Structure formats: structure tokens, C-alpha cells
Protein backbone atom coordinates (compact mmCIF):
# COMPACT_ATOMS: atom_id res chain seq x y z
CA UNK A 1 0.05 -0.06 0.03
CA UNK A 2 2.81 2.45 0.78
CA UNK A 3 4.56 1.56 -2.44
CA UNK A 4 1.37 2.10 -4.44
CA UNK A 5 0.60 5.35 -2.71
CA UNK A 6 4.09 6.57 -3.33
CA UNK A 7 3.82 5.74 -7.06
CA UNK A 8 0.54 7.53 -7.23
CA UNK A 9 2.01 10.74 -5.56
CA UNK A 10 5.06 10.45 -7.82
CA UNK A 11 2.91 10.45 -10.95
CA UNK A 12 1.01 13.46 -9.77
CA UNK A 13 4.25 15.36 -9.23
CA UNK A 14 3.95 15.45 -5.37
CA UNK A 15 7.57 14.49 -5.04
CA UNK A 16 8.28 15.08 -1.36
CA UNK A 17 5.19 13.22 -0.22
CA UNK A 18 6.13 10.29 -2.42
CA UNK A 19 9.66 10.27 -0.99
CA UNK A 20 8.17 10.21 2.58
CA UNK A 21 6.13 7.14 1.53
CA UNK A 22 9.14 5.36 0.26
CA UNK A 23 11.19 6.29 3.39
CA UNK A 24 8.50 4.89 5.56
CA UNK A 25 8.41 1.74 3.46
CA UNK A 26 12.15 1.43 3.93
CA UNK A 27 11.69 0.96 7.68
CA UNK A 28 9.45 -1.96 7.24
CA UNK A 29 10.66 -3.40 3.92
CA UNK A 30 14.18 -2.11 3.32
CA UNK A 31 14.77 -3.79 0.02
CA UNK A 32 11.46 -2.64 -1.53
CA UNK A 33 11.88 0.83 0.17
CA UNK A 34 15.41 1.46 -1.17
CA UNK A 35 14.29 0.32 -4.70
CA UNK A 36 11.61 2.80 -4.78
CA UNK A 37 13.76 5.59 -3.40
CA UNK A 38 16.53 4.85 -6.04
CA UNK A 39 13.99 5.10 -8.82
CA UNK A 40 12.96 8.53 -7.16
CA UNK A 41 16.63 9.51 -7.40
CA UNK A 42 17.52 9.14 -3.66
CA UNK A 43 20.48 6.75 -3.50
CA UNK A 44 21.92 5.31 -0.22
CA UNK A 45 25.19 6.88 0.98
CA UNK A 46 26.21 3.59 2.65
CA UNK A 47 27.62 1.17 -0.16
CA UNK A 48 26.72 -1.77 2.19
CA UNK A 49 23.01 -1.17 1.32
CA UNK A 50 23.79 -1.70 -2.45
CA UNK A 51 25.82 -4.69 -1.63
CA UNK A 52 23.03 -6.28 0.29
CA UNK A 53 20.59 -5.45 -2.54
CA UNK A 54 22.91 -7.08 -5.07
CA UNK A 55 23.12 -10.15 -2.91
CA UNK A 56 19.26 -10.30 -2.92
CA UNK A 57 19.26 -9.86 -6.71
CA UNK A 58 21.30 -12.95 -7.16
CA UNK A 59 19.11 -15.19 -5.14
CA UNK A 60 17.46 -17.59 -7.55
CA UNK A 61 13.67 -17.39 -7.65
CA UNK A 62 10.70 -18.20 -9.80
CA UNK A 63 12.00 -15.31 -12.10
CA UNK A 64 15.22 -17.23 -12.74
CA UNK A 65 18.74 -17.27 -11.55
CA UNK A 66 18.83 -13.43 -10.90
CA UNK A 67 16.15 -10.74 -10.35
CA UNK A 68 16.65 -8.47 -13.32
CA UNK A 69 14.48 -5.75 -12.10
CA UNK A 70 16.54 -5.29 -9.03
CA UNK A 71 19.73 -5.37 -11.13
CA UNK A 72 18.37 -2.55 -13.23
CA UNK A 73 17.67 -0.68 -10.07
CA UNK A 74 21.24 -1.16 -8.82
CA UNK A 75 22.55 -0.04 -12.25
CA UNK A 76 20.50 3.24 -11.86
CA UNK A 77 22.06 3.65 -8.30
CA UNK A 78 25.71 3.25 -9.47
CA UNK A 79 25.04 5.50 -12.47
CA UNK A 80 23.95 8.22 -10.00
CA UNK A 81 27.02 7.61 -8.02
CA UNK A 82 29.15 8.02 -11.21
CA UNK A 83 30.47 4.40 -11.03
CA UNK A 84 29.73 3.96 -14.76
CA UNK A 85 31.63 0.67 -15.24
CA UNK A 86 29.80 -0.97 -12.48
CA UNK A 87 26.54 0.45 -13.55
CA UNK A 88 26.95 -0.93 -17.18
CA UNK A 89 27.99 -4.43 -15.90
CA UNK A 90 24.84 -4.63 -13.73
CA UNK A 91 22.66 -3.34 -16.63
CA UNK A 92 24.19 -5.80 -19.07
CA UNK A 93 23.52 -8.73 -16.62
CA UNK A 94 20.01 -7.53 -16.19
CA UNK A 95 19.42 -7.29 -19.97
CA UNK A 96 20.84 -10.76 -20.67
CA UNK A 97 18.60 -12.33 -17.99
CA UNK A 98 15.56 -10.39 -19.42
CA UNK A 99 16.30 -11.57 -22.97
CA UNK A 100 15.63 -15.15 -21.86
CA UNK A 101 11.90 -14.18 -21.68
CA UNK A 102 11.78 -12.29 -24.97
CA UNK A 103 10.65 -13.19 -28.51
CA UNK A 104 11.91 -10.06 -30.18
CA UNK A 105 13.24 -10.50 -33.76
CA UNK A 106 15.04 -7.56 -35.42
CA UNK A 107 14.66 -9.03 -39.06
CA UNK A 108 10.96 -9.44 -38.46
CA UNK A 109 10.75 -5.74 -37.37
CA UNK A 110 12.75 -4.56 -40.28
CA UNK A 111 10.44 -6.49 -42.56
CA UNK A 112 7.40 -4.85 -41.07
CA UNK A 113 9.06 -1.45 -41.68
CA UNK A 114 9.68 -2.32 -45.25
CA UNK A 115 6.05 -3.25 -45.73
CA UNK A 116 4.90 -0.01 -44.11
CA UNK A 117 7.06 2.09 -46.44
CA UNK A 118 5.87 0.15 -49.45
CA UNK A 119 2.14 0.42 -48.67
CA UNK A 120 2.21 4.08 -47.75
CA UNK A 121 3.44 5.20 -51.20
CA UNK A 122 3.13 8.48 -52.86
CA UNK A 123 0.51 7.02 -55.24
CA UNK A 124 -1.74 5.75 -52.47
CA UNK A 125 -1.59 8.97 -50.49
CA UNK A 126 -2.14 11.08 -53.61
CA UNK A 127 -5.30 9.21 -54.54
CA UNK A 128 -6.69 9.97 -51.08
CA UNK A 129 -5.38 13.49 -50.54
CA UNK A 130 -8.80 14.84 -49.76
CA UNK A 131 -10.07 12.06 -47.48
CA UNK A 132 -9.87 11.75 -43.74
CA UNK A 133 -11.40 13.78 -40.87
CA UNK A 134 -10.56 17.49 -40.98
CA UNK A 135 -10.10 17.98 -37.26
CA UNK A 136 -6.93 19.61 -36.00
CA UNK A 137 -7.66 18.67 -32.35
CA UNK A 138 -5.22 15.56 -32.10
CA UNK A 139 -1.58 16.41 -31.78
CA UNK A 140 1.00 13.64 -31.96
CA UNK A 141 4.28 13.86 -30.12
CA UNK A 142 6.53 10.98 -31.25
CA UNK A 143 10.03 9.68 -31.57
CA UNK A 144 12.27 6.94 -30.32
CA UNK A 145 11.62 6.12 -26.60
CA UNK A 146 13.80 8.13 -24.27
CA UNK A 147 14.26 10.85 -26.97
CA UNK A 148 12.47 13.56 -24.96
CA UNK A 149 8.89 13.06 -25.95
CA UNK A 150 7.62 13.44 -22.42
CA UNK A 151 9.37 16.74 -22.01
CA UNK A 152 7.85 18.08 -25.17
CA UNK A 153 4.45 16.98 -24.04
CA UNK A 154 4.84 18.60 -20.64
CA UNK A 155 5.83 21.88 -22.15
CA UNK A 156 3.04 22.04 -24.59
CA UNK A 157 0.56 20.63 -21.96
CA UNK A 158 1.19 23.69 -19.78
CA UNK A 159 -0.45 25.87 -22.51
CA UNK A 160 -3.98 26.83 -21.49
CA UNK A 161 -5.38 25.50 -24.81
CA UNK A 162 -3.56 22.05 -24.79
CA UNK A 163 -4.41 18.98 -22.77
CA UNK A 164 -1.49 16.41 -22.39
CA UNK A 165 -3.24 12.99 -22.43
CA UNK A 166 -0.02 10.92 -22.16
CA UNK A 167 0.73 7.66 -24.02
CA UNK A 168 -2.45 6.71 -25.60
CA UNK A 169 -3.17 3.40 -27.32
CA UNK A 170 -5.75 4.84 -29.90
CA UNK A 171 -3.73 4.25 -33.04
CA UNK A 172 -2.71 0.75 -32.06
CA UNK A 173 -6.38 -0.11 -31.17
CA UNK A 174 -7.44 1.21 -34.54
CA UNK A 175 -4.85 -1.09 -36.29
CA UNK A 176 -6.21 -4.03 -34.22
CA UNK A 177 -9.67 -3.28 -35.11
CA UNK A 178 -8.73 -3.31 -38.84
CA UNK A 179 -6.95 -6.61 -38.45
CA UNK A 180 -9.87 -8.08 -36.63
CA UNK A 181 -12.30 -7.06 -39.36
CA UNK A 182 -10.00 -8.67 -42.04
CA UNK A 183 -9.76 -11.87 -39.96
CA UNK A 184 -13.64 -11.79 -39.64
CA UNK A 185 -13.91 -11.46 -43.52
CA UNK A 186 -11.22 -14.08 -44.05
CA UNK A 187 -9.65 -11.76 -46.57
CA UNK A 188 -6.10 -13.00 -45.75
CA UNK A 189 -5.00 -9.28 -45.44
CA UNK A 190 -3.46 -7.73 -42.43
CA UNK A 191 -2.03 -4.25 -41.57
CA UNK A 192 -0.66 -2.42 -43.35
CA UNK A 193 -1.89 -4.04 -46.58
CA UNK A 194 -5.56 -3.70 -45.59
CA UNK A 195 -5.22 0.09 -45.64
CA UNK A 196 -5.60 0.16 -49.37
CA UNK A 197 -9.22 -1.04 -48.94
CA UNK A 198 -10.28 1.72 -46.65
CA UNK A 199 -12.92 4.17 -48.07
CA UNK A 200 -13.37 7.84 -47.43
CA UNK A 201 -16.36 6.93 -45.29
CA UNK A 202 -14.28 4.46 -43.32
CA UNK A 203 -11.58 7.10 -42.58
CA UNK A 204 -14.24 9.61 -41.48
CA UNK A 205 -15.74 7.04 -39.18
CA UNK A 206 -12.42 5.98 -37.68
CA UNK A 207 -11.50 9.59 -37.15
CA UNK A 208 -14.68 10.40 -35.33
CA UNK A 209 -14.28 7.35 -33.16
CA UNK A 210 -10.71 8.54 -32.11
CA UNK A 211 -11.99 12.02 -31.56
CA UNK A 212 -14.83 10.69 -29.25
CA UNK A 213 -12.15 8.93 -27.28
CA UNK A 214 -10.07 12.14 -26.89
CA UNK A 215 -13.19 14.02 -25.78
CA UNK A 216 -13.78 11.43 -23.07
CA UNK A 217 -10.25 11.95 -21.86
CA UNK A 218 -10.26 15.75 -22.15
CA UNK A 219 -13.84 16.96 -21.83
CA UNK A 220 -12.64 20.49 -21.29
CA UNK A 221 -12.49 23.31 -23.86
CA UNK A 222 -8.90 22.71 -24.76
CA UNK A 223 -8.21 23.24 -28.51
CA UNK A 224 -5.58 20.45 -28.76
CA UNK A 225 -5.15 17.03 -27.08
CA UNK A 226 -1.73 15.32 -27.22
CA UNK A 227 -0.99 11.75 -27.82
CA UNK A 228 2.60 11.19 -27.10
CA UNK A 229 3.05 7.50 -27.66
CA UNK A 230 6.67 7.47 -29.01
CA UNK A 231 6.38 4.51 -31.42
CA UNK A 232 3.53 6.23 -33.24
CA UNK A 233 6.38 7.26 -35.65
CA UNK A 234 5.80 3.97 -37.21
CA UNK A 235 2.18 4.89 -38.14
CA UNK A 236 2.50 8.45 -39.33
CA UNK A 237 1.10 7.35 -42.78
CA UNK A 238 -2.05 5.97 -41.09
CA UNK A 239 -2.34 9.08 -38.81
CA UNK A 240 -2.23 11.37 -41.76
CA UNK A 241 -4.84 9.39 -43.66
CA UNK A 242 -7.24 9.61 -40.68
CA UNK A 243 -6.33 13.18 -39.58
CA UNK A 244 -4.66 14.92 -42.58
CA UNK A 245 -4.57 18.21 -40.67
CA UNK A 246 -3.16 16.89 -37.36
CA UNK A 247 0.08 18.48 -36.08
CA UNK A 248 2.87 16.16 -35.58
CA UNK A 249 6.13 16.82 -33.70
CA UNK A 250 8.97 14.41 -33.92
CA UNK A 251 11.65 14.61 -31.18
CA UNK A 252 15.23 13.68 -32.22
CA UNK A 253 18.17 13.02 -29.81
CA UNK A 254 21.72 11.74 -30.16
CA UNK A 255 21.21 8.09 -30.93
CA UNK A 256 23.89 6.95 -28.53
CA UNK A 257 22.11 8.81 -25.70
CA UNK A 258 18.84 7.12 -26.69
CA UNK A 259 20.60 3.70 -26.77
CA UNK A 260 22.20 4.08 -23.24
CA UNK A 261 18.99 5.43 -21.74
CA UNK A 262 16.95 2.50 -23.06
CA UNK A 263 19.49 -0.05 -22.09
CA UNK A 264 19.65 0.98 -18.56
CA UNK A 265 15.86 1.37 -18.28
CA UNK A 266 13.70 -1.65 -17.10
CA UNK A 267 10.69 -1.92 -19.18
CA UNK A 268 9.70 -5.24 -17.85
CA UNK A 269 9.68 -6.55 -21.40
CA UNK A 270 9.18 -10.09 -20.25
CA UNK A 271 5.58 -8.99 -20.04
CA UNK A 272 5.39 -7.80 -23.64
CA UNK A 273 6.63 -4.79 -25.65
CA UNK A 274 9.90 -2.88 -25.88
CA UNK A 275 11.91 -6.02 -26.60
CA UNK A 276 14.51 -4.19 -28.66
CA UNK A 277 15.67 -2.26 -25.64
CA UNK A 278 17.44 -5.30 -24.06
CA UNK A 279 20.41 -5.49 -26.51
CA UNK A 280 22.59 -2.69 -27.81
CA UNK A 281 22.81 -4.19 -31.32
CA UNK A 282 18.91 -4.43 -31.45
CA UNK A 283 18.63 -0.92 -30.21
CA UNK A 284 20.92 0.18 -33.13
CA UNK A 285 18.86 -1.61 -35.66
CA UNK A 286 15.68 -0.08 -34.31
CA UNK A 287 17.39 3.43 -34.53
CA UNK A 288 18.31 2.68 -38.19
CA UNK A 289 14.78 1.59 -38.97
CA UNK A 290 13.40 4.69 -37.17
CA UNK A 291 15.58 6.94 -39.27
CA UNK A 292 14.61 5.34 -42.50
CA UNK A 293 10.96 5.61 -41.57
CA UNK A 294 11.28 9.33 -40.74
CA UNK A 295 13.05 10.08 -44.06
CA UNK A 296 10.17 8.27 -45.83
CA UNK A 297 7.53 10.29 -43.94
CA UNK A 298 9.22 13.62 -44.49
CA UNK A 299 9.31 12.79 -48.28
CA UNK A 300 5.59 11.96 -48.27
CA UNK A 301 4.59 14.93 -45.98
CA UNK A 302 7.10 17.73 -46.64
CA UNK A 303 6.77 20.52 -44.12
CA UNK A 304 4.11 18.84 -42.15
CA UNK A 305 6.19 17.19 -39.41
CA UNK A 306 8.13 19.52 -36.99
CA UNK A 307 11.62 18.23 -36.01
CA UNK A 308 12.34 19.07 -32.39
CA UNK A 309 16.09 18.38 -31.48
CA UNK A 310 16.22 17.52 -27.76
CA UNK A 311 19.79 19.09 -27.31
CA UNK A 312 18.55 22.38 -28.80
CA UNK A 313 15.36 22.28 -26.71
CA UNK A 314 17.20 22.03 -23.41
CA UNK A 315 19.69 24.71 -24.47
CA UNK A 316 17.06 27.26 -25.48
CA UNK A 317 13.75 26.09 -24.20
CA UNK A 318 11.89 29.30 -24.92
CA UNK A 319 12.85 29.58 -28.52
CA UNK A 320 11.87 25.94 -29.19
CA UNK A 321 8.63 26.29 -27.10
CA UNK A 322 7.71 29.28 -29.40
CA UNK A 323 8.37 27.25 -32.54
CA UNK A 324 6.34 24.27 -31.30
CA UNK A 325 3.37 26.67 -30.40
CA UNK A 326 3.70 28.17 -33.82
CA UNK A 327 3.46 24.64 -35.32
CA UNK A 328 0.19 24.25 -33.41
CA UNK A 329 -1.00 27.68 -34.47
CA UNK A 330 -1.17 28.77 -30.88
CA UNK A 331 -0.37 32.21 -29.19
CA UNK A 332 2.55 32.44 -26.68
CA UNK A 333 1.77 31.45 -23.18
CA UNK A 334 4.66 31.99 -20.56
CA UNK A 335 3.15 29.03 -18.51
CA UNK A 336 4.81 26.70 -20.87
CA UNK A 337 8.23 27.58 -19.21
CA UNK A 338 6.87 26.50 -15.88
CA UNK A 339 5.97 22.93 -17.20
CA UNK A 340 7.43 21.19 -14.12
CA UNK A 341 4.57 22.62 -12.02
CA UNK A 342 1.90 21.27 -14.35
CA UNK A 343 -0.62 19.27 -12.28
CA UNK A 344 -1.30 16.18 -14.32
CA UNK A 345 -0.44 12.46 -14.08
CA UNK A 346 2.76 11.28 -15.78
CA UNK A 347 3.16 7.58 -16.00
CA UNK A 348 6.19 7.07 -18.21
CA UNK A 349 9.76 6.26 -17.27
CA UNK A 350 10.44 9.97 -17.39
CA UNK A 351 8.18 10.70 -14.42
CA UNK A 352 10.96 12.13 -12.31
CA UNK A 353 12.67 14.19 -14.98
CA UNK A 354 9.56 16.08 -16.04
CA UNK A 355 8.98 17.39 -12.58
CA UNK A 356 12.47 19.22 -12.66
CA UNK A 357 13.37 22.43 -14.44
CA UNK A 358 15.26 21.95 -17.75
CA UNK A 359 18.63 20.46 -17.22
CA UNK A 360 21.41 19.60 -19.60
CA UNK A 361 23.21 16.80 -17.82
CA UNK A 362 21.57 14.14 -20.05
CA UNK A 363 23.31 15.59 -23.03
CA UNK A 364 26.16 13.35 -24.30
CA UNK A 365 25.44 10.91 -21.46
CA UNK A 366 26.89 8.22 -23.78
CA UNK A 367 30.42 9.42 -23.38
CA UNK A 368 30.36 7.88 -19.82
CA UNK A 369 29.82 4.49 -21.40
CA UNK A 370 31.75 4.99 -24.67
CA UNK A 371 34.04 1.92 -24.16
CA UNK A 372 30.93 -0.32 -24.05
CA UNK A 373 29.23 0.84 -27.21
CA UNK A 374 31.13 -1.16 -30.02
CA UNK A 375 28.15 -3.20 -30.83
CA UNK A 376 25.95 -0.23 -31.11
CA UNK A 377 28.41 1.81 -33.16
CA UNK A 378 28.93 -1.04 -35.65
CA UNK A 379 25.20 -1.19 -36.30
CA UNK A 380 24.78 2.64 -36.69
CA UNK A 381 27.75 2.75 -38.93
CA UNK A 382 26.50 0.13 -41.32
CA UNK A 383 24.88 1.09 -44.64
CA UNK A 384 21.13 0.84 -44.20
CA UNK A 385 19.19 -1.09 -46.83
CA UNK A 386 17.87 0.78 -49.80
CA UNK A 387 14.30 1.95 -49.71
CA UNK A 388 11.88 -0.67 -51.15
CA UNK A 389 10.31 -0.16 -54.49
CA UNK A 390 6.75 1.12 -53.91
CA UNK A 391 4.02 -1.45 -54.51
CA UNK A 392 2.01 -0.91 -57.63
CA UNK A 393 -1.36 0.96 -57.03
CA UNK A 394 -4.21 -1.30 -55.77
CA UNK A 395 -5.69 -3.34 -58.54
CA UNK A 396 -9.17 -2.43 -57.13
CA UNK A 397 -10.65 0.84 -55.95
CA UNK A 398 -11.16 1.03 -52.20
CA UNK A 399 -14.32 -0.47 -50.75
CA UNK A 400 -14.88 -2.94 -53.68
CA UNK A 401 -16.13 -5.52 -51.25
CA UNK A 402 -18.31 -3.19 -49.43
CA UNK A 403 -19.88 -2.08 -52.72
CA UNK A 404 -20.69 -5.74 -53.50
CA UNK A 405 -22.42 -6.02 -50.14
CA UNK A 406 -24.39 -2.96 -50.75
CA UNK A 407 -25.49 -4.22 -54.23
CA UNK A 408 -26.43 -7.59 -52.68
CA UNK A 409 -28.47 -5.97 -49.91
CA UNK A 410 -30.34 -3.79 -52.55
CA UNK A 411 -31.32 -6.91 -54.52
CA UNK A 412 -28.97 -6.16 -57.34
CA UNK A 413 -27.54 -9.69 -57.46
CA UNK A 414 -25.88 -9.48 -60.85
CA UNK A 415 -24.04 -6.24 -59.97
CA UNK A 416 -23.03 -7.91 -56.64
CA UNK A 417 -21.68 -10.93 -58.53
CA UNK A 418 -19.56 -8.88 -60.63
CA UNK A 419 -18.21 -6.83 -57.71
CA UNK A 420 -17.25 -9.97 -55.73
CA UNK A 421 -15.70 -11.60 -58.83
CA UNK A 422 -13.45 -8.54 -59.20
CA UNK A 423 -12.36 -8.82 -55.58
CA UNK A 424 -11.53 -12.48 -56.09
CA UNK A 425 -9.43 -11.71 -59.17
CA UNK A 426 -7.21 -9.43 -57.01
CA UNK A 427 -7.36 -11.63 -53.87
CA UNK A 428 -8.35 -15.25 -54.52
CA UNK A 429 -8.29 -16.14 -50.82
CA UNK A 430 -10.88 -13.60 -49.67
CA UNK A 431 -13.24 -15.98 -47.99
CA UNK A 432 -16.08 -13.43 -47.50
CA UNK A 433 -16.00 -12.63 -51.13
CA UNK A 434 -16.39 -16.24 -52.05
CA UNK A 435 -19.33 -16.66 -49.62
CA UNK A 436 -21.27 -13.60 -50.75
CA UNK A 437 -20.56 -14.38 -54.40
CA UNK A 438 -22.36 -17.65 -53.58
CA UNK A 439 -25.32 -15.58 -51.99
CA UNK A 440 -25.47 -13.49 -55.18
CA UNK A 441 -25.48 -16.61 -57.38
CA UNK A 442 -28.17 -18.14 -55.23
CA UNK A 443 -30.31 -15.00 -55.84
CA UNK A 444 -29.77 -15.45 -59.57
CA UNK A 445 -30.91 -19.09 -59.30
CA UNK A 446 -27.62 -20.71 -59.91
CA UNK A 447 -27.57 -23.03 -56.95
CA UNK A 448 -24.75 -25.46 -58.02
CA UNK A 449 -22.42 -22.43 -58.51
CA UNK A 450 -23.50 -20.89 -55.29
CA UNK A 451 -22.78 -24.10 -53.44
CA UNK A 452 -19.31 -24.24 -54.91
CA UNK A 453 -18.54 -20.65 -53.90
CA UNK A 454 -19.85 -21.18 -50.36
CA UNK A 455 -17.92 -24.41 -49.98
CA UNK A 456 -14.70 -22.49 -50.95
CA UNK A 457 -15.55 -19.87 -48.22
CA UNK A 458 -15.87 -22.34 -45.47
CA UNK A 459 -12.72 -24.25 -46.54
CA UNK A 460 -10.91 -20.87 -46.25
CA UNK A 461 -12.62 -19.63 -43.07
CA UNK A 462 -14.34 -22.58 -41.20
CA UNK A 463 -15.10 -20.57 -38.03
CA UNK A 464 -18.21 -18.80 -39.34
CA UNK A 465 -21.30 -20.64 -38.13
CA UNK A 466 -23.66 -18.59 -40.28
CA UNK A 467 -21.68 -19.40 -43.36
CA UNK A 468 -22.06 -23.09 -42.50
CA UNK A 469 -25.79 -22.62 -42.07
CA UNK A 470 -26.04 -20.79 -45.39
CA UNK A 471 -24.28 -23.61 -47.15
CA UNK A 472 -26.56 -26.16 -45.55
CA UNK A 473 -29.55 -24.11 -46.72
CA UNK A 474 -28.24 -24.17 -50.33
CA UNK A 475 -27.60 -27.93 -50.20
CA UNK A 476 -31.14 -28.57 -48.89
CA UNK A 477 -32.49 -26.46 -51.79
CA UNK A 478 -30.50 -28.57 -54.15
CA UNK A 479 -31.77 -31.82 -52.55
CA UNK A 480 -35.35 -30.66 -52.96
CA UNK A 481 -34.68 -29.86 -56.71
CA UNK A 482 -33.15 -33.26 -57.21
CA UNK A 483 -29.74 -31.66 -57.71
CA UNK A 484 -28.24 -32.60 -54.56
CA UNK A 485 -25.14 -34.46 -55.65
CA UNK A 486 -23.08 -33.66 -52.58
CA UNK A 487 -19.51 -32.53 -53.07
CA UNK A 488 -16.82 -33.03 -50.46
């Protein structure tokens, strides 16, 4: 209870009260109390305390031979004590132990990046330039994790017309809904390939759904609401399709500083996510993929993404605050320079930093660990792969399947048959197109062909009980007509 209360106070910016909770916790549970205090930047003066914590971290448990979370905590403590060699050794041990629980695959991530770059091509975006929801309320602050996105959000969120909503999952949830719909249809498509089938109506609907979610989070009169999920940099193409007028701010930082900050941060990735952060080589590959994606997005959306260099921001906060507000078309508000006093919950790994005035000690932090960065430097120095050739324009106009469904529901069976047939030329494994082609053929009186199409649909996608029932009804009709030669 003390730990939970302390965390809640820490997120609300009530730093001294949080520290009091952790100090009280230390008297009854020393290991847990000191762990919380170290995360809140209070390190024990007595090295014996850290030695005892290290002994505890090496006690085998259900987690494995070491307690990686506690090793990460100790790495942070020795970093604060400027014992950088010892800090790195502990972080390395913690990362290696954590990797035993991971399934992260850098080649698979690079393949997904290649596909995103190919699908979101100039031709696809040009054909949809006047689509999407016109709202300018959403603002997206993004970049590599530990690049300074929380600081940017905290500065902007201190403006009277801006609400900082933190790291939202809205874009990821939209992608999951799109994937679930394609699974339901049995189209065989996934994200990002399924983007090509989105219609103007679909994008308007998705945009309104996301805006409704923002209004629930920020019911006040603020003009803008910030989503600062860092990895949204992978989805800028989708964001601009749904909200073509949305402001996007991309935070850049020295890649070696990003790497060290991620490597010494415990993301508890054994529970999912952030798997790249547990290996310096993997971090390097993620940084390369990040740079390639951002080059791609800038080429597609010239002048629409504001680059915010972290080092310049901390050196001249007011100048960059003015530039960021100008990007949002907002007037100057001196409150943005008092961002550390903003009363809102912060739940990221940067919870402590954003409660402090701007400081420059995080600049060039990598130099303290330079002798350990060979693996990272090798990846960053390697020539990145060439940009993929863009995919050809979609063979079908967006919404072809939906058009077939509308024709079928309107009783225009022959038009529906033509629409579904076109879908199947482009995508022969589209189970739903097979099934409703069968429904159109049944309306046209061609029951044997309807049965064949429906049989194909249930072979491709057997977990649709209603499709099984429709096929049984067609078979029964054929039996009554004496045409019921059953096919396997």
C-alpha cells in the first residue's frame, strides 16, 4: 500500500510526499523501500546497502537465476554515483537475463518497416489526398523512446489550450480493429496491406471514433489534445490518412544517448513490448529503422512534421517552445516555461525528469559508457538497406467488397456478382467474397455455382457458423430440386 501510494503521488508530481512514503516503506521493507527511493533519485550513501541489494538480486527465484528488475535498479544507483563501469555491468547482466523471456526478432521488425514504407506510397496517398477527418484537435508527439517526448508534451501541455493526455493506445487499437475485421472477413489481409481497402467513409468514421475517445479523456475546452506515444512514428502514414490536418512533432536526440537510456531502463519486457531495448545491437537496428521511416514520412509529408532536436530544446527552451506553439498555431503562453509545475499524471519512465526544471546533464551521457558501445556503433555505421520499391497501385478501388455487399442488400444480385468476382481476381483467398458471391449466385438461381462458392468460403474460413448454415440451406434447396449431388 505504501509503495502504491508513493507511485501515485510520484505520478502526480507530489515528489516530497512520495519520498516520505518510500522512506516509511524502507523502515518495514528495506529492499523494497530502497528500490523505490533509487527510482525516485535518492541513492543510499552507505555502499553496504547496495551490496546487500545485489546479494538479494542474485538469489534464484521463480523469475530465474537473478532478479533482473533489481539489477536494473542497482545499475541506476551506481550511475547516479558515477560508477559507470559497475552500472553498465549490472545493466548488461539484467538485460541478458531479461532476454531469456523475449521473442523479439530484429529481422521481423525490419520486414514490417519495409512493408509500411511500401504500402504508404506517394500514389496511395495522392489518390486519397482529400480524405480523412478534418479535425486539428489531435496532436501527435513521437520519436524513439527516451528521446524527450515526455518533456515536449509537458511543455505544450502547460499551455491553456492544450491537454496532455499521455501515451494513448488509440492508433494501435485502430490497427487491431482493422486486423480483426480482415480476420472476420477471411480476406487474408493484415495491416498495413488492408489500408488500401479503406474508403473515405471508413476514414471519417475512424477519425470520429478517435475524436470521441479524446473528448472522453479531455472533456474541457482545450483546442488540442496530445497523444505522445513514442512508437507512433511507425504509423505516421495512417495518422495522416485519418487526420490529414493533425500536427505532428518528432523529437530527435543523439542516438547513442537514446541507446544508453533505453539499455539502463527496465521496461519489464518479459511481459510484452519494448523487446528491442534489451540489446545494444537491437537498439541500433531499431534506430536505423526509425531514421529510414522518418526520411520516408518527410518525403511524403514535406513541411508537415516539426523536427524538435532534444539538445537544442534543453539549451534554448523558450525559442523551441515558441516554434512548437507556432506549429500548433497557438499564441505564446509563458506558462509553458513552468512545465514542471503542471498538475497532471505522468506515467512514463520519465516521471521524475519532467518534474524538474530543464537540465542539460543528459546531453552526451553516452560518453560515460563509450568503451561499451562497440556493438551499437557497428550497427549505426552500417549502410542501411535501400528504400523498397513502392508497391503498384491497388488493382481495385477502395471498398470494392463493401460495394458488392451494398448491391447484394439492394437486391442487385448481378451487380453484386460482378463486384465480388473482381475482388476475387485481385485476392483469390478472400473468404467473405467467395461466400457472398455464392449468395449473389443463389439469388440469380444458380444453386450449384452458389454451393461451390460457399464451400470454398468455409474451407478458407471454417469458423463462421452462419456461413455453414447458409451452405446447408443451399444444399437442402438442391436436394429438394433433385440436384443434391453432394460434393466433399
